Protein backbone atom coordinates (compact mmCIF):
# COMPACT_ATOMS: atom_id res chain seq x y z
CA MET A 1 -24.71 -28.33 -33.26
CA ASN A 2 -23.08 -27.03 -36.43
CA ARG A 3 -19.67 -25.37 -36.70
CA PHE A 4 -21.12 -21.84 -36.58
CA GLN A 5 -23.10 -22.58 -33.40
CA LYS A 6 -20.02 -24.12 -31.74
CA SER A 7 -17.97 -21.06 -32.68
CA MET A 8 -20.61 -18.71 -31.24
CA MET A 9 -20.83 -20.79 -28.03
CA ALA A 10 -17.04 -20.64 -27.60
CA SER A 11 -17.07 -16.86 -28.14
CA LEU A 12 -19.78 -16.43 -25.51
CA ILE A 13 -17.89 -18.55 -22.97
CA ILE A 14 -14.65 -16.63 -23.55
CA GLY A 15 -16.48 -13.28 -23.30
CA ALA A 16 -18.22 -14.32 -20.09
CA GLY A 17 -14.88 -15.44 -18.62
CA ALA A 18 -13.32 -12.07 -19.45
CA LEU A 19 -16.27 -10.25 -17.85
CA ILE A 20 -16.06 -12.34 -14.67
CA ALA A 21 -12.30 -11.69 -14.47
CA GLN A 22 -13.01 -7.93 -14.40
CA THR A 23 -15.53 -8.00 -11.55
CA PRO A 24 -14.47 -6.51 -8.20
CA SER A 25 -15.01 -9.81 -6.38
CA THR A 26 -11.95 -11.29 -8.10
CA GLN A 27 -9.66 -8.48 -7.02
CA THR A 28 -7.14 -9.28 -4.32
CA SER A 29 -7.69 -7.89 -0.85
CA PHE A 30 -4.07 -6.79 -0.48
CA VAL A 31 -1.05 -5.67 -2.49
CA TYR A 32 2.40 -7.12 -1.78
CA VAL A 33 5.71 -5.42 -2.63
CA GLU A 34 9.29 -6.27 -1.70
CA SER A 35 11.51 -3.34 -0.86
CA PHE A 36 14.85 -2.86 -2.53
CA ARG A 37 16.28 -3.30 0.99
CA LYS A 38 17.26 -6.97 1.45
CA GLY A 39 19.16 -6.81 4.76
CA SER A 40 18.82 -8.88 7.92
CA THR A 41 17.19 -6.28 10.20
CA ARG A 42 14.21 -7.40 12.27
CA ILE A 43 12.06 -5.03 14.31
CA THR A 44 10.16 -4.78 17.57
CA GLU A 45 6.60 -5.62 16.56
CA GLN A 46 3.87 -3.01 17.04
CA THR A 47 0.36 -2.17 15.87
CA LEU A 48 -1.06 1.35 15.76
CA GLU A 49 -4.12 3.23 14.58
CA VAL A 50 -3.41 6.65 13.09
CA ASP A 51 -6.09 9.33 12.68
CA LEU A 52 -5.30 12.04 10.16
CA ASP A 53 -7.26 15.21 9.39
CA PRO A 54 -6.53 18.83 8.36
CA LYS A 55 -5.75 19.81 11.98
CA ASN A 56 -3.41 16.80 12.45
CA PRO A 57 -2.32 16.00 8.89
CA THR A 58 0.97 14.25 9.65
CA CYS A 59 2.25 11.38 11.77
CA GLU A 60 5.68 10.14 12.74
CA ILE A 61 6.17 6.69 14.22
CA LYS A 62 9.52 5.43 15.44
CA VAL A 63 10.18 1.79 14.64
CA LYS A 64 12.74 0.04 16.84
CA ASP A 65 14.97 -2.77 15.66
CA GLN A 66 15.24 -6.06 17.56
CA ASN A 67 17.90 -4.50 19.84
CA GLY A 68 15.57 -1.66 20.88
CA ARG A 69 17.26 1.11 18.87
CA ASP A 70 15.21 3.62 16.85
CA ARG A 71 15.96 2.30 13.38
CA TYR A 72 13.15 3.47 11.07
CA GLN A 73 10.77 6.41 10.90
CA PHE A 74 7.27 5.85 9.46
CA ARG A 75 5.75 9.14 8.26
CA CYS A 76 2.40 10.23 6.87
CA ALA A 77 2.21 13.47 4.89
CA PRO A 78 -0.76 15.12 3.17
CA GLU A 79 -0.85 15.82 -0.56
CA HIS A 80 -2.32 19.17 -1.60
CA PRO A 81 -3.79 20.21 -4.98
CA GLY A 82 -1.20 22.95 -5.38
CA PRO A 83 0.96 25.58 -3.68
CA GLY A 84 -0.95 27.64 -1.13
CA ASP A 85 -3.93 25.28 -1.17
CA ASP A 86 -4.24 23.47 2.18
CA ARG A 87 -7.05 21.11 1.14
CA ILE A 88 -6.01 17.44 1.20
CA ILE A 89 -6.47 15.20 -1.84
CA ALA A 90 -4.46 12.21 -0.55
CA TRP A 91 -1.85 11.11 1.96
CA GLN A 92 1.52 9.57 1.30
CA VAL A 93 3.41 7.26 3.66
CA HIS A 94 7.17 6.71 3.83
CA LEU A 95 9.47 4.51 5.85
CA ALA A 96 12.92 6.09 6.23
CA ASP A 97 16.02 4.24 7.41
CA ARG A 98 17.49 6.38 10.22
CA GLU A 99 20.93 4.75 9.92
CA HIS A 100 21.17 5.22 6.15
CA LYS A 101 19.77 8.69 5.49
CA ILE A 102 20.13 8.31 1.72
CA TYR A 103 17.12 5.96 1.87
CA GLY A 104 14.23 8.34 2.37
CA ASP A 105 11.63 5.66 1.59
CA VAL A 106 12.40 1.95 1.83
CA LEU A 107 8.78 0.98 1.07
CA MET A 108 9.52 1.24 -2.65
CA PRO A 109 10.75 -1.66 -4.80
CA SER A 110 13.55 0.57 -6.15
CA PRO A 111 15.63 3.35 -4.54
CA ASP A 112 14.82 5.44 -7.64
CA PRO A 113 11.35 7.03 -7.14
CA THR A 114 10.85 7.27 -10.91
CA GLN A 115 10.89 3.45 -11.06
CA ASP A 116 8.05 3.07 -8.52
CA ARG A 117 5.18 1.86 -10.69
CA THR A 118 3.18 0.35 -7.81
CA GLN A 119 2.95 3.52 -5.67
CA ILE A 120 2.35 1.43 -2.56
CA GLY A 121 2.69 4.47 -0.28
CA TRP A 122 0.08 6.64 -2.00
CA LEU A 123 -3.22 6.69 -0.12
CA ASP A 124 -5.28 8.11 -2.96
CA PRO A 125 -9.10 8.01 -2.89
CA GLY A 126 -9.35 8.97 -6.56
CA LYS A 127 -10.94 6.69 -9.15
CA PHE A 128 -7.66 6.56 -11.10
CA ALA A 129 -5.51 5.48 -8.13
CA LYS A 130 -3.15 2.58 -8.88
CA ILE A 131 -4.26 0.89 -5.64
CA PRO A 132 -7.80 1.35 -4.28
CA LEU A 133 -7.77 3.31 -1.03
CA ILE A 134 -9.02 0.55 1.30
CA THR A 135 -6.72 -2.17 -0.06
CA GLU A 136 -4.34 -3.58 2.53
CA ARG A 137 -0.68 -3.04 1.60
CA VAL A 138 2.12 -5.41 2.67
CA VAL A 139 5.76 -4.44 2.16
CA LYS A 140 8.66 -6.73 2.98
CA VAL A 141 11.65 -4.64 4.12
CA ASP A 142 14.85 -6.42 5.17
CA ARG A 143 13.51 -9.30 7.35
CA PHE A 144 10.27 -7.66 8.53
CA TYR A 145 6.94 -6.51 7.11
CA CYS A 146 5.21 -3.15 7.16
CA VAL A 147 1.45 -3.62 6.79
CA PHE A 148 -0.94 -0.68 6.46
CA GLN A 149 -4.56 -0.22 5.48
CA VAL A 150 -7.05 2.64 5.39
CA THR A 151 -10.00 1.58 7.54
CA ASP A 152 -12.00 4.80 7.30
CA SER A 153 -11.99 7.99 5.24
CA HIS A 154 -14.30 10.92 4.76
CA PHE A 155 -14.59 13.64 2.14
CA VAL A 156 -15.29 17.30 2.96
CA ALA A 157 -18.42 17.11 0.76
CA ALA A 158 -19.97 14.58 -1.60
CA GLY A 159 -18.62 14.88 -5.11
CA GLN A 160 -15.48 16.75 -4.05
CA PRO A 161 -12.02 15.11 -3.99
CA TYR A 162 -10.91 16.69 -0.70
CA LEU A 163 -10.46 14.53 2.39
CA ASP A 164 -11.16 15.73 5.92
CA HIS A 165 -10.41 12.45 7.72
CA LEU A 166 -8.48 9.23 7.22
CA THR A 167 -7.88 6.36 9.66
CA LEU A 168 -4.88 4.16 8.95
CA ASP A 169 -4.05 0.87 10.67
CA VAL A 170 -0.28 0.30 10.71
CA ARG A 171 1.49 -2.88 11.78
CA PHE A 172 5.16 -3.84 11.90
CA THR A 173 5.75 -7.58 12.16
CA ASN A 174 8.53 -10.11 11.63
CA THR A 175 6.00 -12.71 10.44
CA MET A 176 4.50 -12.99 6.95
CA PRO A 177 0.93 -11.63 7.34
CA HIS A 178 -0.77 -13.56 4.49
CA THR A 179 -0.43 -17.23 3.57
CA GLU A 180 -1.03 -16.45 -0.13
CA VAL A 181 2.08 -14.26 -0.08
CA ARG A 182 4.08 -16.79 1.95
CA VAL A 183 3.71 -19.40 -0.82
CA LYS A 184 4.82 -16.88 -3.42
CA ASP A 185 7.66 -15.63 -1.21
CA GLU A 186 9.06 -19.10 -0.48
CA LYS A 187 9.50 -19.68 -4.22
CA ALA A 188 11.41 -16.44 -4.66
CA PRO A 189 15.19 -16.45 -4.18
CA SER A 190 16.42 -14.98 -0.87
């Protein structure tokens, strides 16, 4: 094989590697974020399934701390295309700290919403969403984890961006839900 053939072979291998890296099968099945909250609070574990639709577009779930006190409020709220338009294009989830009302959403990596580049709480079915709709999301808050994933969704009509149903599995746990994250987390400073 001459130098030109070797160069072409190397280019093909590199190009094939780049193409394989872009295929959906190599995407992770979950997204992990650590909240800006780094306290010692642990929670009473619970798992719920939430059904959202235009008639019941919101949810509010109380999350108790390890002492049984209502400590956090998990909320789901619909996003509309504009004022006066009640069609739903996405849902957004928040976890508010009931003891520290200045923290309206502790799911974010920063208390400043303009610094939230991940948008972990946006349940957006659009093709330009930062996180695909059905991707599991894991957020470490204080000493517990909030895990949520869309398990079902339905559009009003094919080709339209308006949702008429979304099912969300929500879990609060004191145990790391994924071993891949645990390895990463153990290397990070506490």
